[in-house]
């Protein structure tokens, strides 16, 4: 646990809290047992709850792992009292850790972000996390642009796997971000009750920051869905063209094979075989003539 103290507030930042950390929180703040139980392990459902003198909130933020090419949800628990902000994370969250380190080491940052109430500090922490989410969406936007370029350059088959990976990434991102809206609305109401109506514009602004992330995510989703449908259509058209060619080839070769097989039957009354020294060339000429006639008919009907 690390602590930032200013004249007006204290920010306690805990990463992977152990029993000693949890005992310190309970002894100093006497939070409800339900809250303390929630702090012992990650929570699946985001929420914001108002107790007598504090707010307990759980949010999940998407973190993209480049090696896995997958987005994971990272949980942050917030406890906001009149003079204290407590943040609890169960895994490393780079934007939160970097923001805390910056506030801890720079006097100007403390004056800018941590000189009023814990609710004001919470606003800046969440704003930084949403800005990070916007930056996280850049790799999705870049992947969508690359997929679009490949599709319209004739590499439809090459992007099938890439489409699936990016779609999974968007699904994971949506799973983390979508529940935040109702939680932020609840947080706004609770903070107004606990800290006063002057904080209204701040937390309304947080909802706006969330909306930026959601709108960009939805835009990328719609673009990728359109590219997926377009790629599927192009693949189907190419597959149908290939099947059409094979069907025509089969239609041409089957009757000719049958004709040659019949003419090769060694019987006494065979009209061609053995009747002339040019019987082989007669058969070849018949096959070529029939082939040309069939190709001419297919072209006339625009089948090829």
C-alpha atoms as a PDB file:
ATOM      1  CA  UNK A   1       0.000   0.000   0.000  1.00  0.00           C
ATOM      2  CA  UNK A   2       1.169   3.517  -0.877  1.00  0.00           C
ATOM      3  CA  UNK A   3      -0.335   6.761   0.365  1.00  0.00           C
ATOM      4  CA  UNK A   4      -0.466  10.284  -1.031  1.00  0.00           C
ATOM      5  CA  UNK A   5      -1.259  12.952   1.565  1.00  0.00           C
ATOM      6  CA  UNK A   6      -2.108  16.582   0.899  1.00  0.00           C
ATOM      7  CA  UNK A   7      -3.593  19.333   3.068  1.00  0.00           C
ATOM      8  CA  UNK A   8      -7.147  18.349   2.166  1.00  0.00           C
ATOM      9  CA  UNK A   9      -7.153  14.597   1.506  1.00  0.00           C
ATOM     10  CA  UNK A  10      -5.324  11.261   1.492  1.00  0.00           C
ATOM     11  CA  UNK A  11      -5.190   8.781  -1.384  1.00  0.00           C
ATOM     12  CA  UNK A  12      -4.394   5.184  -0.432  1.00  0.00           C
ATOM     13  CA  UNK A  13      -3.522   2.991  -3.407  1.00  0.00           C
ATOM     14  CA  UNK A  14      -3.494  -0.785  -2.841  1.00  0.00           C
ATOM     15  CA  UNK A  15      -2.439  -3.354  -5.411  1.00  0.00           C
ATOM     16  CA  UNK A  16      -3.128  -7.034  -4.698  1.00  0.00           C
ATOM     17  CA  UNK A  17      -4.117  -6.332  -1.074  1.00  0.00           C
ATOM     18  CA  UNK A  18      -3.180  -8.927   1.523  1.00  0.00           C
ATOM     19  CA  UNK A  19      -4.698  -9.570   4.963  1.00  0.00           C
ATOM     20  CA  UNK A  20      -2.500  -6.924   6.559  1.00  0.00           C
ATOM     21  CA  UNK A  21      -3.786  -4.266   4.146  1.00  0.00           C
ATOM     22  CA  UNK A  22      -7.400  -5.268   4.670  1.00  0.00           C
ATOM     23  CA  UNK A  23      -6.987  -5.251   8.457  1.00  0.00           C
ATOM     24  CA  UNK A  24      -5.522  -1.742   8.249  1.00  0.00           C
ATOM     25  CA  UNK A  25      -8.519  -0.549   6.208  1.00  0.00           C
ATOM     26  CA  UNK A  26     -10.993  -2.102   8.639  1.00  0.00           C
ATOM     27  CA  UNK A  27      -9.262  -0.740  11.734  1.00  0.00           C
ATOM     28  CA  UNK A  28      -8.998   2.792  10.357  1.00  0.00           C
ATOM     29  CA  UNK A  29     -12.317   3.169   8.536  1.00  0.00           C
ATOM     30  CA  UNK A  30     -14.692   0.532   9.961  1.00  0.00           C
ATOM     31  CA  UNK A  31     -16.352  -0.135   6.624  1.00  0.00           C
ATOM     32  CA  UNK A  32     -19.358  -2.449   6.443  1.00  0.00           C
ATOM     33  CA  UNK A  33     -18.576  -6.165   6.506  1.00  0.00           C
ATOM     34  CA  UNK A  34     -20.182  -6.579   3.097  1.00  0.00           C
ATOM     35  CA  UNK A  35     -17.699  -4.066   1.661  1.00  0.00           C
ATOM     36  CA  UNK A  36     -14.755  -5.730   3.390  1.00  0.00           C
ATOM     37  CA  UNK A  37     -15.868  -9.068   2.025  1.00  0.00           C
ATOM     38  CA  UNK A  38     -15.958  -7.607  -1.496  1.00  0.00           C
ATOM     39  CA  UNK A  39     -12.385  -6.355  -1.106  1.00  0.00           C
ATOM     40  CA  UNK A  40     -11.013  -9.832  -0.471  1.00  0.00           C
ATOM     41  CA  UNK A  41     -11.555 -10.977  -4.058  1.00  0.00           C
ATOM     42  CA  UNK A  42     -12.417  -9.558  -7.506  1.00  0.00           C
ATOM     43  CA  UNK A  43     -16.064  -8.691  -8.142  1.00  0.00           C
ATOM     44  CA  UNK A  44     -17.771  -9.656 -11.379  1.00  0.00           C
ATOM     45  CA  UNK A  45     -20.514  -7.034 -11.319  1.00  0.00           C
ATOM     46  CA  UNK A  46     -19.741  -3.273 -11.442  1.00  0.00           C
ATOM     47  CA  UNK A  47     -21.699  -1.136  -8.976  1.00  0.00           C
ATOM     48  CA  UNK A  48     -21.800   2.067  -6.963  1.00  0.00           C
ATOM     49  CA  UNK A  49     -23.356   1.958  -3.475  1.00  0.00           C
ATOM     50  CA  UNK A  50     -23.882   4.739  -0.941  1.00  0.00           C
ATOM     51  CA  UNK A  51     -23.391   3.969   2.721  1.00  0.00           C
ATOM     52  CA  UNK A  52     -23.667   6.341   5.688  1.00  0.00           C
ATOM     53  CA  UNK A  53     -20.442   8.287   5.215  1.00  0.00           C
ATOM     54  CA  UNK A  54     -18.829   6.803   2.127  1.00  0.00           C
ATOM     55  CA  UNK A  55     -19.337   5.411  -1.377  1.00  0.00           C
ATOM     56  CA  UNK A  56     -18.215   1.997  -2.517  1.00  0.00           C
ATOM     57  CA  UNK A  57     -17.781   1.556  -6.288  1.00  0.00           C
ATOM     58  CA  UNK A  58     -16.516  -1.219  -8.550  1.00  0.00           C
ATOM     59  CA  UNK A  59     -15.538  -0.571 -12.169  1.00  0.00           C
ATOM     60  CA  UNK A  60     -13.860  -2.714 -14.813  1.00  0.00           C
ATOM     61  CA  UNK A  61     -11.559  -1.275 -17.451  1.00  0.00           C
ATOM     62  CA  UNK A  62     -10.285  -2.967 -20.629  1.00  0.00           C
ATOM     63  CA  UNK A  63      -6.556  -3.626 -20.886  1.00  0.00           C
ATOM     64  CA  UNK A  64      -5.187  -4.948 -24.177  1.00  0.00           C
ATOM     65  CA  UNK A  65      -2.466  -7.625 -23.967  1.00  0.00           C
ATOM     66  CA  UNK A  66      -0.404  -7.325 -27.135  1.00  0.00           C
ATOM     67  CA  UNK A  67       1.224 -10.767 -26.907  1.00  0.00           C
ATOM     68  CA  UNK A  68      -2.139 -12.526 -26.567  1.00  0.00           C
ATOM     69  CA  UNK A  69      -3.905 -10.080 -28.892  1.00  0.00           C
ATOM     70  CA  UNK A  70      -6.771 -10.095 -26.406  1.00  0.00           C
ATOM     71  CA  UNK A  71      -8.477  -7.539 -24.166  1.00  0.00           C
ATOM     72  CA  UNK A  72      -8.846  -8.404 -20.467  1.00  0.00           C
ATOM     73  CA  UNK A  73     -11.028  -6.757 -17.838  1.00  0.00           C
ATOM     74  CA  UNK A  74      -9.179  -5.218 -14.914  1.00  0.00           C
ATOM     75  CA  UNK A  75     -11.139  -4.360 -11.786  1.00  0.00           C
ATOM     76  CA  UNK A  76     -10.682  -1.280  -9.617  1.00  0.00           C
ATOM     77  CA  UNK A  77     -12.520  -0.872  -6.304  1.00  0.00           C
ATOM     78  CA  UNK A  78     -13.039   2.693  -5.067  1.00  0.00           C
ATOM     79  CA  UNK A  79     -13.874   3.799  -1.538  1.00  0.00           C
ATOM     80  CA  UNK A  80     -14.672   7.519  -1.227  1.00  0.00           C
ATOM     81  CA  UNK A  81     -15.086   9.197   2.139  1.00  0.00           C
ATOM     82  CA  UNK A  82     -15.181  12.882   3.058  1.00  0.00           C
ATOM     83  CA  UNK A  83     -11.382  13.052   3.369  1.00  0.00           C
ATOM     84  CA  UNK A  84     -10.026   9.803   1.902  1.00  0.00           C
ATOM     85  CA  UNK A  85      -9.888   8.039  -1.457  1.00  0.00           C
ATOM     86  CA  UNK A  86      -8.955   4.360  -1.465  1.00  0.00           C
ATOM     87  CA  UNK A  87      -8.274   2.505  -4.714  1.00  0.00           C
ATOM     88  CA  UNK A  88      -7.842  -1.271  -4.755  1.00  0.00           C
ATOM     89  CA  UNK A  89      -6.673  -3.230  -7.808  1.00  0.00           C
ATOM     90  CA  UNK A  90      -6.043  -6.954  -8.039  1.00  0.00           C
ATOM     91  CA  UNK A  91      -3.736  -6.792 -11.055  1.00  0.00           C
ATOM     92  CA  UNK A  92      -1.452  -4.158 -12.528  1.00  0.00           C
ATOM     93  CA  UNK A  93      -3.388  -1.329 -14.208  1.00  0.00           C
ATOM     94  CA  UNK A  94      -0.815   0.879 -15.986  1.00  0.00           C
ATOM     95  CA  UNK A  95      -2.834   4.120 -16.272  1.00  0.00           C
ATOM     96  CA  UNK A  96      -3.886   4.053 -12.604  1.00  0.00           C
ATOM     97  CA  UNK A  97      -0.395   3.198 -11.364  1.00  0.00           C
ATOM     98  CA  UNK A  98       1.174   5.887 -13.577  1.00  0.00           C
ATOM     99  CA  UNK A  99      -1.311   8.544 -12.460  1.00  0.00           C
ATOM    100  CA  UNK A 100      -0.733   7.746  -8.771  1.00  0.00           C
ATOM    101  CA  UNK A 101       3.049   7.832  -9.260  1.00  0.00           C
ATOM    102  CA  UNK A 102       2.788  11.185 -11.041  1.00  0.00           C
ATOM    103  CA  UNK A 103       0.685  12.703  -8.238  1.00  0.00           C
ATOM    104  CA  UNK A 104       2.988  11.234  -5.625  1.00  0.00           C
ATOM    105  CA  UNK A 105       6.137  12.691  -7.163  1.00  0.00           C
ATOM    106  CA  UNK A 106       5.059  16.055  -8.601  1.00  0.00           C
ATOM    107  CA  UNK A 107       3.908  18.961  -6.449  1.00  0.00           C
ATOM    108  CA  UNK A 108       2.178  20.616  -9.408  1.00  0.00           C
ATOM    109  CA  UNK A 109       0.059  17.499  -9.968  1.00  0.00           C
ATOM    110  CA  UNK A 110      -0.955  17.440  -6.328  1.00  0.00           C
ATOM    111  CA  UNK A 111      -2.050  21.059  -6.528  1.00  0.00           C
ATOM    112  CA  UNK A 112      -3.976  20.388  -9.726  1.00  0.00           C
ATOM    113  CA  UNK A 113      -5.653  17.081  -8.885  1.00  0.00           C
ATOM    114  CA  UNK A 114      -5.499  16.535  -5.111  1.00  0.00           C
ATOM    115  CA  UNK A 115      -6.080  19.968  -3.602  1.00  0.00           C
ATOM    116  CA  UNK A 116      -9.850  19.742  -3.072  1.00  0.00           C
ATOM    117  CA  UNK A 117     -12.073  16.827  -2.062  1.00  0.00           C
ATOM    118  CA  UNK A 118     -11.646  13.082  -2.704  1.00  0.00           C
ATOM    119  CA  UNK A 119     -14.566  13.378  -5.130  1.00  0.00           C
ATOM    120  CA  UNK A 120     -12.606  15.868  -7.235  1.00  0.00           C
ATOM    121  CA  UNK A 121      -9.599  13.534  -7.187  1.00  0.00           C
ATOM    122  CA  UNK A 122     -11.844  10.627  -8.174  1.00  0.00           C
ATOM    123  CA  UNK A 123     -13.053  12.648 -11.154  1.00  0.00           C
ATOM    124  CA  UNK A 124      -9.497  13.119 -12.426  1.00  0.00           C
ATOM    125  CA  UNK A 125      -8.609   9.458 -11.815  1.00  0.00           C
ATOM    126  CA  UNK A 126     -11.626   8.247 -13.804  1.00  0.00           C
ATOM    127  CA  UNK A 127     -11.011  10.794 -16.537  1.00  0.00           C
ATOM    128  CA  UNK A 128      -7.461   9.481 -16.924  1.00  0.00           C
ATOM    129  CA  UNK A 129      -8.769   5.910 -17.113  1.00  0.00           C
ATOM    130  CA  UNK A 130     -11.268   6.849 -19.827  1.00  0.00           C
ATOM    131  CA  UNK A 131      -8.542   8.656 -21.764  1.00  0.00           C
ATOM    132  CA  UNK A 132      -6.519   5.464 -21.558  1.00  0.00           C
ATOM    133  CA  UNK A 133      -9.510   3.499 -22.903  1.00  0.00           C
ATOM    134  CA  UNK A 134      -9.647   5.871 -25.866  1.00  0.00           C
ATOM    135  CA  UNK A 135      -5.966   5.199 -26.521  1.00  0.00           C
ATOM    136  CA  UNK A 136      -6.601   1.480 -26.183  1.00  0.00           C
ATOM    137  CA  UNK A 137      -9.148   1.754 -28.997  1.00  0.00           C
ATOM    138  CA  UNK A 138      -6.437   3.018 -31.357  1.00  0.00           C
ATOM    139  CA  UNK A 139      -5.160  -0.522 -32.017  1.00  0.00           C
ATOM    140  CA  UNK A 140      -8.693  -1.646 -32.912  1.00  0.00           C
ATOM    141  CA  UNK A 141      -9.073   1.286 -35.307  1.00  0.00           C
ATOM    142  CA  UNK A 142      -5.694   0.459 -36.862  1.00  0.00           C
ATOM    143  CA  UNK A 143      -6.640  -3.204 -37.294  1.00  0.00           C
ATOM    144  CA  UNK A 144      -9.965  -2.278 -38.891  1.00  0.00           C
ATOM    145  CA  UNK A 145      -8.172  -0.004 -41.377  1.00  0.00           C
ATOM    146  CA  UNK A 146      -5.681  -2.750 -42.264  1.00  0.00           C
ATOM    147  CA  UNK A 147      -8.465  -5.287 -42.763  1.00  0.00           C
ATOM    148  CA  UNK A 148     -10.353  -2.879 -45.024  1.00  0.00           C
ATOM    149  CA  UNK A 149      -7.257  -2.327 -47.168  1.00  0.00           C
ATOM    150  CA  UNK A 150      -6.610  -6.080 -47.507  1.00  0.00           C
ATOM    151  CA  UNK A 151     -10.211  -6.898 -48.398  1.00  0.00           C
ATOM    152  CA  UNK A 152     -10.323  -4.395 -51.238  1.00  0.00           C
ATOM    153  CA  UNK A 153      -6.875  -5.467 -52.440  1.00  0.00           C
ATOM    154  CA  UNK A 154      -8.063  -9.007 -53.174  1.00  0.00           C
ATOM    155  CA  UNK A 155      -6.864 -10.756 -50.012  1.00  0.00           C
ATOM    156  CA  UNK A 156     -10.295 -11.837 -48.735  1.00  0.00           C
ATOM    157  CA  UNK A 157      -9.157 -15.287 -47.588  1.00  0.00           C
ATOM    158  CA  UNK A 158      -6.139 -13.902 -45.737  1.00  0.00           C
ATOM    159  CA  UNK A 159      -8.223 -11.689 -43.412  1.00  0.00           C
ATOM    160  CA  UNK A 160     -10.743 -14.300 -42.219  1.00  0.00           C
ATOM    161  CA  UNK A 161      -8.721 -15.119 -39.092  1.00  0.00           C
ATOM    162  CA  UNK A 162      -7.856 -11.446 -38.542  1.00  0.00           C
ATOM    163  CA  UNK A 163     -11.552 -10.546 -38.642  1.00  0.00           C
ATOM    164  CA  UNK A 164     -12.302 -13.115 -35.937  1.00  0.00           C
ATOM    165  CA  UNK A 165      -9.502 -11.852 -33.671  1.00  0.00           C
ATOM    166  CA  UNK A 166     -10.570  -8.199 -33.925  1.00  0.00           C
ATOM    167  CA  UNK A 167     -14.252  -9.097 -33.427  1.00  0.00           C
ATOM    168  CA  UNK A 168     -13.309 -10.973 -30.244  1.00  0.00           C
ATOM    169  CA  UNK A 169     -11.323  -7.934 -29.109  1.00  0.00           C
ATOM    170  CA  UNK A 170     -14.340  -5.653 -29.605  1.00  0.00           C
ATOM    171  CA  UNK A 171     -16.624  -8.094 -27.783  1.00  0.00           C
ATOM    172  CA  UNK A 172     -14.259  -8.170 -24.781  1.00  0.00           C
ATOM    173  CA  UNK A 173     -13.985  -4.369 -24.842  1.00  0.00           C
ATOM    174  CA  UNK A 174     -17.770  -3.972 -24.921  1.00  0.00           C
ATOM    175  CA  UNK A 175     -18.170  -6.433 -22.062  1.00  0.00           C
ATOM    176  CA  UNK A 176     -15.926  -4.270 -19.896  1.00  0.00           C
ATOM    177  CA  UNK A 177     -17.251  -0.852 -20.934  1.00  0.00           C
ATOM    178  CA  UNK A 178     -21.021  -1.215 -21.343  1.00  0.00           C
ATOM    179  CA  UNK A 179     -21.931  -1.685 -17.630  1.00  0.00           C
ATOM    180  CA  UNK A 180     -20.023   1.494 -16.714  1.00  0.00           C
ATOM    181  CA  UNK A 181     -22.832   3.794 -17.824  1.00  0.00           C
ATOM    182  CA  UNK A 182     -25.366   2.888 -15.129  1.00  0.00           C
ATOM    183  CA  UNK A 183     -22.600   2.742 -12.513  1.00  0.00           C
ATOM    184  CA  UNK A 184     -21.451   6.277 -13.376  1.00  0.00           C
ATOM    185  CA  UNK A 185     -25.038   7.553 -13.200  1.00  0.00           C
ATOM    186  CA  UNK A 186     -25.356   6.037  -9.721  1.00  0.00           C
ATOM    187  CA  UNK A 187     -21.992   7.509  -8.716  1.00  0.00           C
ATOM    188  CA  UNK A 188     -23.139  10.967  -9.798  1.00  0.00           C
ATOM    189  CA  UNK A 189     -26.252  10.763  -7.615  1.00  0.00           C
ATOM    190  CA  UNK A 190     -24.311   9.452  -4.614  1.00  0.00           C
ATOM    191  CA  UNK A 191     -21.584  12.104  -4.862  1.00  0.00           C
ATOM    192  CA  UNK A 192     -24.162  14.881  -5.042  1.00  0.00           C
ATOM    193  CA  UNK A 193     -25.683  13.608  -1.805  1.00  0.00           C
ATOM    194  CA  UNK A 194     -22.356  13.173  -0.045  1.00  0.00           C
ATOM    195  CA  UNK A 195     -20.370  16.166  -1.366  1.00  0.00           C
ATOM    196  CA  UNK A 196     -22.981  18.638  -2.583  1.00  0.00           C
ATOM    197  CA  UNK A 197     -24.479  19.836  -5.863  1.00  0.00           C
ATOM    198  CA  UNK A 198     -21.341  21.723  -6.914  1.00  0.00           C
ATOM    199  CA  UNK A 199     -19.892  18.426  -8.161  1.00  0.00           C
ATOM    200  CA  UNK A 200     -22.739  17.922 -10.636  1.00  0.00           C
ATOM    201  CA  UNK A 201     -20.845  19.226 -13.709  1.00  0.00           C
ATOM    202  CA  UNK A 202     -17.807  17.082 -12.880  1.00  0.00           C
ATOM    203  CA  UNK A 203     -19.648  13.771 -12.832  1.00  0.00           C
ATOM    204  CA  UNK A 204     -21.859  14.754 -15.737  1.00  0.00           C
ATOM    205  CA  UNK A 205     -18.550  15.257 -17.553  1.00  0.00           C
ATOM    206  CA  UNK A 206     -17.509  11.720 -16.593  1.00  0.00           C
ATOM    207  CA  UNK A 207     -20.615  10.368 -18.267  1.00  0.00           C
ATOM    208  CA  UNK A 208     -19.572  12.364 -21.319  1.00  0.00           C
ATOM    209  CA  UNK A 209     -16.070  10.815 -21.212  1.00  0.00           C
ATOM    210  CA  UNK A 210     -17.644   7.384 -21.046  1.00  0.00           C
ATOM    211  CA  UNK A 211     -19.868   8.259 -24.014  1.00  0.00           C
ATOM    212  CA  UNK A 212     -16.817   9.152 -26.104  1.00  0.00           C
ATOM    213  CA  UNK A 213     -15.352   5.700 -25.486  1.00  0.00           C
ATOM    214  CA  UNK A 214     -18.650   3.943 -26.178  1.00  0.00           C
ATOM    215  CA  UNK A 215     -19.371   5.873 -29.397  1.00  0.00           C
ATOM    216  CA  UNK A 216     -15.906   5.166 -30.800  1.00  0.00           C
ATOM    217  CA  UNK A 217     -16.218   1.513 -29.842  1.00  0.00           C
ATOM    218  CA  UNK A 218     -19.628   1.275 -31.523  1.00  0.00           C
ATOM    219  CA  UNK A 219     -18.263   2.978 -34.622  1.00  0.00           C
ATOM    220  CA  UNK A 220     -15.461   0.415 -34.859  1.00  0.00           C
ATOM    221  CA  UNK A 221     -17.933  -2.418 -34.273  1.00  0.00           C
ATOM    222  CA  UNK A 222     -20.250  -1.235 -37.045  1.00  0.00           C
ATOM    223  CA  UNK A 223     -17.326  -0.769 -39.443  1.00  0.00           C
ATOM    224  CA  UNK A 224     -15.973  -4.243 -38.680  1.00  0.00           C
ATOM    225  CA  UNK A 225     -19.425  -5.837 -39.035  1.00  0.00           C
ATOM    226  CA  UNK A 226     -19.811  -4.171 -42.444  1.00  0.00           C
ATOM    227  CA  UNK A 227     -16.339  -5.375 -43.492  1.00  0.00           C
ATOM    228  CA  UNK A 228     -17.166  -8.888 -42.271  1.00  0.00           C
ATOM    229  CA  UNK A 229     -20.374  -8.973 -44.331  1.00  0.00           C
ATOM    230  CA  UNK A 230     -18.585  -7.534 -47.361  1.00  0.00           C
ATOM    231  CA  UNK A 231     -15.740 -10.039 -47.058  1.00  0.00           C
ATOM    232  CA  UNK A 232     -18.214 -12.912 -46.756  1.00  0.00           C
ATOM    233  CA  UNK A 233     -20.039 -11.686 -49.872  1.00  0.00           C
ATOM    234  CA  UNK A 234     -16.807 -11.429 -51.869  1.00  0.00           C
ATOM    235  CA  UNK A 235     -15.722 -14.905 -50.776  1.00  0.00           C
ATOM    236  CA  UNK A 236     -19.115 -16.322 -51.741  1.00  0.00           C
ATOM    237  CA  UNK A 237     -18.959 -14.648 -55.161  1.00  0.00           C
ATOM    238  CA  UNK A 238     -15.486 -16.055 -55.801  1.00  0.00           C
ATOM    239  CA  UNK A 239     -16.529 -19.477 -54.572  1.00  0.00           C
ATOM    240  CA  UNK A 240     -19.606 -19.413 -56.818  1.00  0.00           C
ATOM    241  CA  UNK A 241     -17.439 -18.441 -59.802  1.00  0.00           C
ATOM    242  CA  UNK A 242     -15.103 -21.354 -59.108  1.00  0.00           C
ATOM    243  CA  UNK A 243     -18.021 -23.755 -58.726  1.00  0.00           C
ATOM    244  CA  UNK A 244     -19.502 -22.409 -61.960  1.00  0.00           C
ATOM    245  CA  UNK A 245     -16.271 -23.087 -63.842  1.00  0.00           C
ATOM    246  CA  UNK A 246     -15.999 -26.619 -62.458  1.00  0.00           C
ATOM    247  CA  UNK A 247     -19.635 -27.285 -63.301  1.00  0.00           C
ATOM    248  CA  UNK A 248     -19.129 -26.125 -66.886  1.00  0.00           C
ATOM    249  CA  UNK A 249     -15.970 -28.223 -67.218  1.00  0.00           C
ATOM    250  CA  UNK A 250     -17.812 -31.257 -65.884  1.00  0.00           C
ATOM    251  CA  UNK A 251     -20.737 -30.607 -68.253  1.00  0.00           C
ATOM    252  CA  UNK A 252     -18.347 -30.385 -71.221  1.00  0.00           C
ATOM    253  CA  UNK A 253     -16.096 -33.314 -70.386  1.00  0.00           C
ATOM    254  CA  UNK A 254     -18.705 -35.855 -69.300  1.00  0.00           C
ATOM    255  CA  UNK A 255     -20.584 -36.171 -72.650  1.00  0.00           C
ATOM    256  CA  UNK A 256     -17.299 -36.122 -74.575  1.00  0.00           C
ATOM    257  CA  UNK A 257     -15.864 -38.858 -72.369  1.00  0.00           C
ATOM    258  CA  UNK A 258     -19.027 -40.873 -72.891  1.00  0.00           C
ATOM    259  CA  UNK A 259     -18.815 -40.342 -76.671  1.00  0.00           C
ATOM    260  CA  UNK A 260     -15.146 -41.411 -76.823  1.00  0.00           C
ATOM    261  CA  UNK A 261     -15.871 -44.443 -74.660  1.00  0.00           C
ATOM    262  CA  UNK A 262     -18.688 -45.524 -76.979  1.00  0.00           C
ATOM    263  CA  UNK A 263     -16.592 -45.068 -80.095  1.00  0.00           C
ATOM    264  CA  UNK A 264     -13.800 -47.167 -78.548  1.00  0.00           C
ATOM    265  CA  UNK A 265     -16.029 -50.210 -78.094  1.00  0.00           C
ATOM    266  CA  UNK A 266     -14.416 -52.977 -80.165  1.00  0.00           C
ATOM    267  CA  UNK A 267     -17.391 -54.520 -81.938  1.00  0.00           C
ATOM    268  CA  UNK A 268     -17.830 -55.895 -85.472  1.00  0.00           C
ATOM    269  CA  UNK A 269     -20.221 -53.094 -86.441  1.00  0.00           C
ATOM    270  CA  UNK A 270     -18.276 -50.140 -84.967  1.00  0.00           C
ATOM    271  CA  UNK A 271     -18.845 -47.359 -87.515  1.00  0.00           C
ATOM    272  CA  UNK A 272     -15.410 -45.744 -87.032  1.00  0.00           C
ATOM    273  CA  UNK A 273     -12.931 -47.934 -85.137  1.00  0.00           C
ATOM    274  CA  UNK A 274     -10.978 -50.074 -87.592  1.00  0.00           C
ATOM    275  CA  UNK A 275     -12.986 -48.885 -90.597  1.00  0.00           C
ATOM    276  CA  UNK A 276     -10.531 -46.273 -91.704  1.00  0.00           C
ATOM    277  CA  UNK A 277      -6.807 -45.587 -91.312  1.00  0.00           C
ATOM    278  CA  UNK A 278      -7.850 -42.153 -89.999  1.00  0.00           C
ATOM    279  CA  UNK A 279     -10.262 -43.399 -87.307  1.00  0.00           C
ATOM    280  CA  UNK A 280      -8.185 -41.831 -84.459  1.00  0.00           C
ATOM    281  CA  UNK A 281      -8.185 -38.432 -86.096  1.00  0.00           C
ATOM    282  CA  UNK A 282     -11.891 -38.729 -86.876  1.00  0.00           C
ATOM    283  CA  UNK A 283     -12.607 -39.268 -83.175  1.00  0.00           C
ATOM    284  CA  UNK A 284     -10.362 -36.325 -82.216  1.00  0.00           C
ATOM    285  CA  UNK A 285     -12.094 -34.103 -84.768  1.00  0.00           C
ATOM    286  CA  UNK A 286     -15.525 -35.082 -83.468  1.00  0.00           C
ATOM    287  CA  UNK A 287     -14.480 -34.348 -79.878  1.00  0.00           C
ATOM    288  CA  UNK A 288     -12.964 -30.950 -80.776  1.00  0.00           C
ATOM    289  CA  UNK A 289     -16.002 -29.995 -82.874  1.00  0.00           C
ATOM    290  CA  UNK A 290     -18.486 -30.898 -80.133  1.00  0.00           C
ATOM    291  CA  UNK A 291     -16.351 -29.029 -77.584  1.00  0.00           C
ATOM    292  CA  UNK A 292     -16.265 -25.871 -79.687  1.00  0.00           C
ATOM    293  CA  UNK A 293     -20.023 -26.028 -80.296  1.00  0.00           C
ATOM    294  CA  UNK A 294     -20.709 -26.348 -76.532  1.00  0.00           C
ATOM    295  CA  UNK A 295     -18.357 -23.462 -75.696  1.00  0.00           C
ATOM    296  CA  UNK A 296     -20.072 -21.323 -78.354  1.00  0.00           C
ATOM    297  CA  UNK A 297     -23.486 -22.111 -76.864  1.00  0.00           C
ATOM    298  CA  UNK A 298     -22.299 -21.298 -73.316  1.00  0.00           C
ATOM    299  CA  UNK A 299     -20.851 -17.969 -74.416  1.00  0.00           C
ATOM    300  CA  UNK A 300     -23.991 -17.076 -76.333  1.00  0.00           C
ATOM    301  CA  UNK A 301     -26.047 -17.633 -73.175  1.00  0.00           C
ATOM    302  CA  UNK A 302     -23.475 -15.666 -71.080  1.00  0.00           C
ATOM    303  CA  UNK A 303     -22.706 -18.671 -68.902  1.00  0.00           C
ATOM    304  CA  UNK A 304     -18.971 -18.155 -69.330  1.00  0.00           C
END
